[in-house]
């Protein structure tokens, strides 16, 4: 096990450094990726590592491919495409926890389910964010169906919902390829992932802290300063519930849904 942890550390170090050099991670983000990668690679093994890499590589590629489409919406998002430690831990912290639980309960199926479902949820949310901007018409708020601007927290669209389903299914299919997971269980993983992404949208529309720039008269997640440099003013939500906290809730929701489905139907 010690050798596996050392190998996991070295593999995580290499990937985190490469991602930092490529501009996908900040320094703090690379540190977070090193910690998560060591736990998941070292305690879980290569099948667990494949799912983590599937999430990271696919989300990074989509960010690169459609970054220009989102450029006009940067003023709305709290953070940019270069992930810091808060984003890394919000997206992968729950997965790391389940990899650690697998170490203590090696024969139990639920740590793998919770791990896969948590990554399916954050992958679904990421794909929805990156591809939802391609929707030809304005999205609608998940709570009341009101049309809102692209990039608005809690907004959903046909493209975004399909992308979320695709992102969750992608992780579920990887889980089938790298482990003896029956197809029906993979369906549950995908459904749990989609559920987590919908919880993310619901929180974004209701409880997430949203601000307004008095100068630009625009809603934004950015605080304390807007992109233009003007201090932003909170208009709704809980101040502590920022985008990272919402992403963490997405991951937790997906994991809980996955484990509950497993326990209910196994």
Protein backbone atom coordinates (compact mmCIF):
# COMPACT_ATOMS: atom_id res chain seq x y z
CA UNK A 1 0.00 0.00 0.00
CA UNK A 2 2.87 2.38 0.79
CA UNK A 3 4.27 1.88 -2.71
CA UNK A 4 0.84 2.58 -4.23
CA UNK A 5 0.55 5.81 -2.23
CA UNK A 6 4.02 6.91 -3.35
CA UNK A 7 3.18 6.13 -6.97
CA UNK A 8 -0.11 7.98 -6.53
CA UNK A 9 1.73 11.00 -5.14
CA UNK A 10 4.20 11.06 -8.03
CA UNK A 11 1.44 10.65 -10.63
CA UNK A 12 -0.63 13.40 -8.99
CA UNK A 13 2.43 15.65 -8.80
CA UNK A 14 3.13 15.20 -12.52
CA UNK A 15 -0.48 15.89 -13.54
CA UNK A 16 -0.87 18.88 -11.20
CA UNK A 17 2.36 20.41 -12.49
CA UNK A 18 1.35 19.86 -16.12
CA UNK A 19 -2.05 21.44 -15.47
CA UNK A 20 -0.42 24.40 -13.73
CA UNK A 21 1.99 24.93 -16.63
CA UNK A 22 -0.91 24.70 -19.08
CA UNK A 23 -2.78 27.41 -17.17
CA UNK A 24 -5.64 25.17 -16.07
CA UNK A 25 -4.74 25.41 -12.38
CA UNK A 26 -3.41 28.19 -10.20
CA UNK A 27 -0.64 27.44 -7.69
CA UNK A 28 -3.16 26.82 -4.96
CA UNK A 29 -5.26 24.75 -7.37
CA UNK A 30 -2.23 22.61 -8.19
CA UNK A 31 -1.71 22.00 -4.47
CA UNK A 32 -5.33 20.96 -4.08
CA UNK A 33 -5.05 18.65 -7.09
CA UNK A 34 -1.91 17.11 -5.61
CA UNK A 35 -3.69 16.35 -2.34
CA UNK A 36 -6.78 14.93 -4.02
CA UNK A 37 -4.81 13.00 -6.60
CA UNK A 38 -2.60 11.41 -3.96
CA UNK A 39 -5.62 10.25 -1.96
CA UNK A 40 -7.57 8.99 -4.96
CA UNK A 41 -4.64 7.46 -6.85
CA UNK A 42 -2.94 6.12 -3.72
CA UNK A 43 -5.90 4.82 -1.73
CA UNK A 44 -8.27 3.93 -4.54
CA UNK A 45 -6.06 2.70 -7.34
CA UNK A 46 -6.10 3.14 -11.10
CA UNK A 47 -9.89 2.70 -11.68
CA UNK A 48 -10.55 5.58 -9.28
CA UNK A 49 -7.83 7.62 -10.95
CA UNK A 50 -9.41 7.10 -14.38
CA UNK A 51 -12.70 8.66 -13.25
CA UNK A 52 -10.92 11.63 -11.68
CA UNK A 53 -8.90 12.16 -14.86
CA UNK A 54 -12.04 11.77 -16.94
CA UNK A 55 -13.63 14.65 -15.07
CA UNK A 56 -10.57 16.88 -15.09
CA UNK A 57 -9.55 16.30 -18.72
CA UNK A 58 -13.07 16.61 -20.17
CA UNK A 59 -13.90 19.75 -18.20
CA UNK A 60 -10.56 21.34 -19.09
CA UNK A 61 -11.00 20.58 -22.78
CA UNK A 62 -14.49 22.07 -22.81
CA UNK A 63 -13.20 25.19 -21.06
CA UNK A 64 -10.51 25.56 -23.72
CA UNK A 65 -12.80 24.81 -26.65
CA UNK A 66 -15.62 27.13 -25.65
CA UNK A 67 -13.73 29.73 -23.64
CA UNK A 68 -14.36 32.39 -26.28
CA UNK A 69 -18.09 31.73 -26.14
CA UNK A 70 -18.02 32.39 -22.39
CA UNK A 71 -15.71 35.40 -22.59
CA UNK A 72 -18.61 37.85 -22.71
CA UNK A 73 -20.06 36.25 -19.56
CA UNK A 74 -16.91 36.48 -17.41
CA UNK A 75 -18.39 39.45 -15.57
CA UNK A 76 -21.05 37.14 -14.13
CA UNK A 77 -18.88 34.30 -12.87
CA UNK A 78 -17.07 34.50 -9.54
CA UNK A 79 -13.91 32.88 -10.92
CA UNK A 80 -12.27 32.26 -14.26
CA UNK A 81 -11.17 29.10 -16.05
CA UNK A 82 -7.93 28.76 -14.05
CA UNK A 83 -9.09 26.76 -11.06
CA UNK A 84 -7.87 27.64 -7.56
CA UNK A 85 -7.79 25.39 -4.49
CA UNK A 86 -11.35 26.34 -3.54
CA UNK A 87 -12.70 25.13 -6.87
CA UNK A 88 -10.55 22.00 -6.83
CA UNK A 89 -11.63 20.97 -3.33
CA UNK A 90 -15.28 21.83 -4.01
CA UNK A 91 -15.30 19.58 -7.06
CA UNK A 92 -13.09 16.74 -5.85
CA UNK A 93 -13.12 16.85 -2.07
CA UNK A 94 -16.10 14.53 -1.70
CA UNK A 95 -14.56 12.09 -4.18
CA UNK A 96 -11.36 12.10 -2.10
CA UNK A 97 -13.39 11.36 1.02
CA UNK A 98 -14.98 8.30 -0.60
CA UNK A 99 -11.58 7.08 -1.80
CA UNK A 100 -10.41 7.30 1.81
CA UNK A 101 -13.52 5.44 3.00
CA UNK A 102 -12.76 2.73 0.44
CA UNK A 103 -9.40 2.24 2.19
CA UNK A 104 -11.20 1.52 5.47
CA UNK A 105 -14.08 -0.46 3.87
CA UNK A 106 -12.36 -2.19 0.93
CA UNK A 107 -15.09 -4.76 0.34
CA UNK A 108 -18.06 -2.42 0.48
CA UNK A 109 -19.63 -1.23 -2.82
CA UNK A 110 -20.99 2.10 -1.53
CA UNK A 111 -17.67 4.03 -1.43
CA UNK A 112 -17.22 3.40 -5.17
CA UNK A 113 -20.81 4.43 -5.83
CA UNK A 114 -20.48 7.61 -3.78
CA UNK A 115 -17.18 8.42 -5.47
CA UNK A 116 -18.50 7.91 -9.00
CA UNK A 117 -21.78 9.72 -8.34
CA UNK A 118 -20.02 12.75 -6.82
CA UNK A 119 -17.78 13.06 -9.89
CA UNK A 120 -20.77 12.49 -12.18
CA UNK A 121 -22.50 15.43 -10.46
CA UNK A 122 -19.62 17.90 -10.77
CA UNK A 123 -18.94 16.76 -14.33
CA UNK A 124 -22.60 17.27 -15.20
CA UNK A 125 -22.51 20.76 -13.72
CA UNK A 126 -19.28 21.64 -15.52
CA UNK A 127 -20.47 20.39 -18.91
CA UNK A 128 -23.75 22.28 -18.45
CA UNK A 129 -21.88 25.49 -17.66
CA UNK A 130 -19.49 25.18 -20.57
CA UNK A 131 -22.00 24.04 -23.21
CA UNK A 132 -25.14 25.79 -21.98
CA UNK A 133 -23.87 29.07 -23.45
CA UNK A 134 -24.39 27.56 -26.93
CA UNK A 135 -28.15 27.45 -26.43
CA UNK A 136 -29.71 29.61 -29.18
CA UNK A 137 -32.35 31.18 -26.91
CA UNK A 138 -32.19 32.74 -23.46
CA UNK A 139 -32.18 30.29 -20.52
CA UNK A 140 -34.90 30.22 -17.89
CA UNK A 141 -34.64 30.35 -14.12
CA UNK A 142 -35.15 26.86 -12.67
CA UNK A 143 -37.53 28.12 -9.98
CA UNK A 144 -40.14 30.06 -11.99
CA UNK A 145 -39.25 29.66 -15.67
CA UNK A 146 -38.55 33.37 -16.13
CA UNK A 147 -36.21 34.21 -19.02
CA UNK A 148 -32.87 35.52 -17.80
CA UNK A 149 -29.49 36.47 -19.27
CA UNK A 150 -26.96 33.79 -20.15
CA UNK A 151 -24.67 32.99 -17.26
CA UNK A 152 -27.26 33.80 -14.60
CA UNK A 153 -26.94 31.57 -11.54
CA UNK A 154 -29.77 29.06 -11.42
CA UNK A 155 -30.61 29.35 -15.12
CA UNK A 156 -31.20 26.22 -17.18
CA UNK A 157 -31.61 25.57 -20.89
CA UNK A 158 -32.18 22.66 -23.24
CA UNK A 159 -28.52 22.56 -24.28
CA UNK A 160 -27.35 22.90 -20.70
CA UNK A 161 -29.61 20.12 -19.44
CA UNK A 162 -28.56 17.78 -22.24
CA UNK A 163 -24.92 18.63 -21.54
CA UNK A 164 -25.45 17.86 -17.84
CA UNK A 165 -26.95 14.48 -18.71
CA UNK A 166 -24.02 13.82 -21.05
CA UNK A 167 -21.45 14.77 -18.44
CA UNK A 168 -23.00 12.49 -15.82
CA UNK A 169 -23.33 9.64 -18.32
CA UNK A 170 -19.70 10.03 -19.39
CA UNK A 171 -18.47 9.37 -15.84
CA UNK A 172 -20.94 6.49 -15.42
CA UNK A 173 -19.71 4.84 -18.62
CA UNK A 174 -16.10 5.22 -17.50
CA UNK A 175 -17.07 3.48 -14.26
CA UNK A 176 -18.46 0.57 -16.30
CA UNK A 177 -15.27 0.35 -18.36
CA UNK A 178 -12.84 0.28 -15.43
CA UNK A 179 -14.80 -1.79 -12.91
CA UNK A 180 -17.31 -4.68 -12.89
CA UNK A 181 -20.27 -2.32 -12.52
CA UNK A 182 -23.57 -3.60 -13.95
CA UNK A 183 -25.29 -1.33 -16.44
CA UNK A 184 -28.26 -0.68 -14.15
CA UNK A 185 -25.87 0.68 -11.53
CA UNK A 186 -24.28 2.97 -14.11
CA UNK A 187 -27.75 4.34 -14.87
CA UNK A 188 -28.12 5.17 -11.18
CA UNK A 189 -24.73 6.91 -11.23
CA UNK A 190 -25.82 9.05 -14.17
CA UNK A 191 -29.17 9.89 -12.56
CA UNK A 192 -27.47 10.79 -9.28
CA UNK A 193 -25.05 13.02 -11.16
CA UNK A 194 -27.86 14.81 -12.98
CA UNK A 195 -29.69 15.25 -9.67
CA UNK A 196 -26.61 16.88 -8.14
CA UNK A 197 -26.36 19.31 -11.07
CA UNK A 198 -30.03 20.26 -10.66
CA UNK A 199 -29.45 20.90 -6.95
CA UNK A 200 -26.60 23.19 -8.00
CA UNK A 201 -28.96 25.16 -10.25
CA UNK A 202 -31.65 25.31 -7.55
CA UNK A 203 -29.21 26.71 -5.00
CA UNK A 204 -27.89 29.15 -7.58
CA UNK A 205 -31.40 30.48 -8.12
CA UNK A 206 -32.35 30.73 -4.45
CA UNK A 207 -29.68 30.73 -1.74
CA UNK A 208 -26.37 31.49 -3.46
CA UNK A 209 -24.99 34.96 -2.74
CA UNK A 210 -25.59 37.18 -5.78
CA UNK A 211 -24.38 40.75 -6.14
CA UNK A 212 -25.00 43.74 -8.39
CA UNK A 213 -22.51 46.15 -9.86
CA UNK A 214 -23.90 49.70 -9.43
CA UNK A 215 -21.70 50.97 -12.24
CA UNK A 216 -22.62 48.34 -14.86
CA UNK A 217 -26.07 47.56 -13.41
CA UNK A 218 -25.32 43.85 -13.84
CA UNK A 219 -25.94 40.84 -11.60
CA UNK A 220 -22.76 38.95 -10.79
CA UNK A 221 -21.17 36.39 -8.49
CA UNK A 222 -18.05 38.55 -8.17
CA UNK A 223 -17.31 40.11 -4.78
CA UNK A 224 -16.00 42.44 -3.44
CA UNK A 225 -15.14 43.97 -6.83
CA UNK A 226 -16.79 43.60 -10.22
CA UNK A 227 -14.73 43.15 -13.38
CA UNK A 228 -14.84 46.93 -13.90
CA UNK A 229 -13.34 47.52 -10.44
CA UNK A 230 -16.55 48.78 -8.81
CA UNK A 231 -17.50 47.36 -5.37
CA UNK A 232 -20.48 45.02 -5.72
CA UNK A 233 -23.59 45.06 -3.51
CA UNK A 234 -25.31 41.88 -2.33
CA UNK A 235 -28.90 41.64 -3.55
CA UNK A 236 -29.92 38.14 -2.46
CA UNK A 237 -28.79 34.83 -1.00
CA UNK A 238 -26.61 33.82 1.93
CA UNK A 239 -23.29 35.65 1.98
CA UNK A 240 -21.26 32.55 2.85
CA UNK A 241 -22.84 30.45 0.07
CA UNK A 242 -20.56 31.31 -2.82
CA UNK A 243 -20.02 29.35 -6.03
CA UNK A 244 -17.51 26.97 -4.42
CA UNK A 245 -19.99 26.12 -1.66
CA UNK A 246 -22.71 25.49 -4.25
CA UNK A 247 -20.38 23.20 -6.22
CA UNK A 248 -19.60 21.31 -3.01
CA UNK A 249 -23.33 20.91 -2.38
CA UNK A 250 -23.69 19.59 -5.93
CA UNK A 251 -21.02 16.96 -5.28
CA UNK A 252 -22.49 15.97 -1.91
CA UNK A 253 -26.00 15.73 -3.36
CA UNK A 254 -24.84 13.48 -6.18
CA UNK A 255 -22.94 11.21 -3.80
CA UNK A 256 -25.85 10.89 -1.36
CA UNK A 257 -28.31 10.19 -4.18
CA UNK A 258 -26.01 7.54 -5.62
CA UNK A 259 -25.48 5.75 -2.33
CA UNK A 260 -29.19 5.84 -1.50
CA UNK A 261 -30.09 4.38 -4.90
CA UNK A 262 -27.52 1.63 -4.42
CA UNK A 263 -28.82 0.75 -0.96
CA UNK A 264 -32.45 0.87 -2.08
CA UNK A 265 -32.07 -1.43 -5.08
CA UNK A 266 -29.27 -3.82 -4.10
